Amino acid sequence: MATIQEINSSIMFGSFTNDQLNGIVMAVKFARNQIAQKNKFTLVKGARVKFVSSRTGQTVIGEVTDVKRKFAHVRAGLTNWRVPMNMLSAA
């Protein structure tokens, strides 16, 4: 099994065709959707979750206040976040 660095390097500097790169993109989107679906069925209102903030790069721990189709609303302290399902994990 190749490491993530080897895979990234192969994608960036390899000689893939446009169709092959589109296939890679579709595979990544599919994997993200699978994670989101799994999280959607395991998360309920009141569940404790954590995620890494794209704003600060820090791990945020909070409580789910609402679960939507692709996003969950998370309250951490006085701040409300709208977080993609694939970014959440149980705290």
Protein backbone atom coordinates (compact mmCIF):
# COMPACT_ATOMS: atom_id res chain seq x y z
CA MET A 1 0.00 0.00 0.00
CA ALA A 2 1.38 3.39 -0.99
CA THR A 3 1.68 6.23 1.52
CA ILE A 4 -0.42 9.36 1.15
CA GLN A 5 2.72 11.32 0.18
CA GLU A 6 3.44 8.86 -2.63
CA ILE A 7 -0.14 9.08 -3.86
CA ASN A 8 -0.11 12.89 -3.77
CA SER A 9 3.22 13.02 -5.57
CA SER A 10 1.98 10.60 -8.21
CA ILE A 11 -1.12 12.71 -8.83
CA MET A 12 0.74 16.02 -8.94
CA PHE A 13 3.74 14.98 -11.02
CA GLY A 14 2.45 11.90 -12.86
CA SER A 15 1.29 11.81 -16.44
CA PHE A 16 -2.42 11.19 -15.87
CA THR A 17 -4.91 12.09 -18.57
CA ASN A 18 -7.80 14.42 -17.85
CA ASP A 19 -10.21 11.46 -17.80
CA GLN A 20 -8.03 9.63 -15.27
CA LEU A 21 -7.85 12.72 -13.03
CA ASN A 22 -11.64 13.09 -13.26
CA GLY A 23 -11.92 9.47 -12.12
CA ILE A 24 -9.69 10.20 -9.12
CA VAL A 25 -11.82 13.24 -8.22
CA MET A 26 -15.01 11.19 -8.46
CA ALA A 27 -13.50 8.48 -6.21
CA VAL A 28 -12.55 11.08 -3.57
CA LYS A 29 -16.03 12.65 -3.68
CA PHE A 30 -17.60 9.20 -3.32
CA ALA A 31 -15.42 8.41 -0.29
CA ARG A 32 -16.32 11.74 1.34
CA ASN A 33 -20.02 11.11 0.76
CA GLN A 34 -19.72 7.67 2.34
CA ILE A 35 -18.13 9.20 5.46
CA ALA A 36 -20.85 11.86 5.58
CA GLN A 37 -23.63 9.26 5.29
CA LYS A 38 -22.09 7.12 8.02
CA ASN A 39 -21.80 10.15 10.31
CA LYS A 40 -25.34 11.29 9.53
CA PHE A 41 -26.82 8.04 10.79
CA THR A 42 -24.68 7.95 13.93
CA LEU A 43 -25.06 11.60 14.97
CA VAL A 44 -28.07 12.76 16.92
CA LYS A 45 -29.01 16.00 18.56
CA GLY A 46 -26.99 16.39 21.77
CA ALA A 47 -24.06 14.18 20.67
CA ARG A 48 -20.54 15.34 21.60
CA VAL A 49 -18.36 15.78 18.50
CA LYS A 50 -15.01 17.21 17.51
CA PHE A 51 -13.57 18.67 14.32
CA VAL A 52 -10.59 20.69 13.18
CA SER A 53 -11.47 24.31 12.46
CA SER A 54 -10.47 25.47 8.99
CA ARG A 55 -10.27 29.02 10.40
CA THR A 56 -7.85 28.41 13.26
CA GLY A 57 -6.52 24.89 12.68
CA GLN A 58 -7.44 23.94 16.24
CA THR A 59 -9.60 21.04 17.35
CA VAL A 60 -13.06 22.18 18.42
CA ILE A 61 -15.24 20.07 20.72
CA GLY A 62 -18.95 20.79 20.86
CA GLU A 63 -22.47 19.46 20.90
CA VAL A 64 -24.68 18.76 17.87
CA THR A 65 -27.73 21.02 17.88
CA ASP A 66 -29.16 20.05 14.48
CA VAL A 67 -28.46 17.48 11.76
CA LYS A 68 -29.14 18.44 8.14
CA ARG A 69 -28.56 16.59 4.87
CA LYS A 70 -24.84 17.34 4.48
CA PHE A 71 -24.07 19.56 7.47
CA ALA A 72 -24.50 19.50 11.21
CA HIS A 73 -24.89 22.53 13.43
CA VAL A 74 -22.50 22.34 16.37
CA ARG A 75 -22.44 24.58 19.44
CA ALA A 76 -19.00 25.02 21.01
CA GLY A 77 -19.18 27.43 23.92
CA LEU A 78 -21.02 30.50 22.64
CA THR A 79 -20.14 29.82 19.00
CA ASN A 80 -22.38 27.98 16.54
CA TRP A 81 -20.68 26.16 13.66
CA ARG A 82 -22.07 24.73 10.43
CA VAL A 83 -19.80 21.74 9.86
CA PRO A 84 -19.76 19.25 6.94
CA MET A 85 -20.61 15.75 8.15
CA ASN A 86 -17.34 14.27 6.87
CA MET A 87 -15.34 16.57 9.18
CA LEU A 88 -17.03 15.36 12.38
CA SER A 89 -15.99 12.57 14.70
CA ALA A 90 -17.20 11.50 18.12
CA ALA A 91 -15.55 13.29 21.02
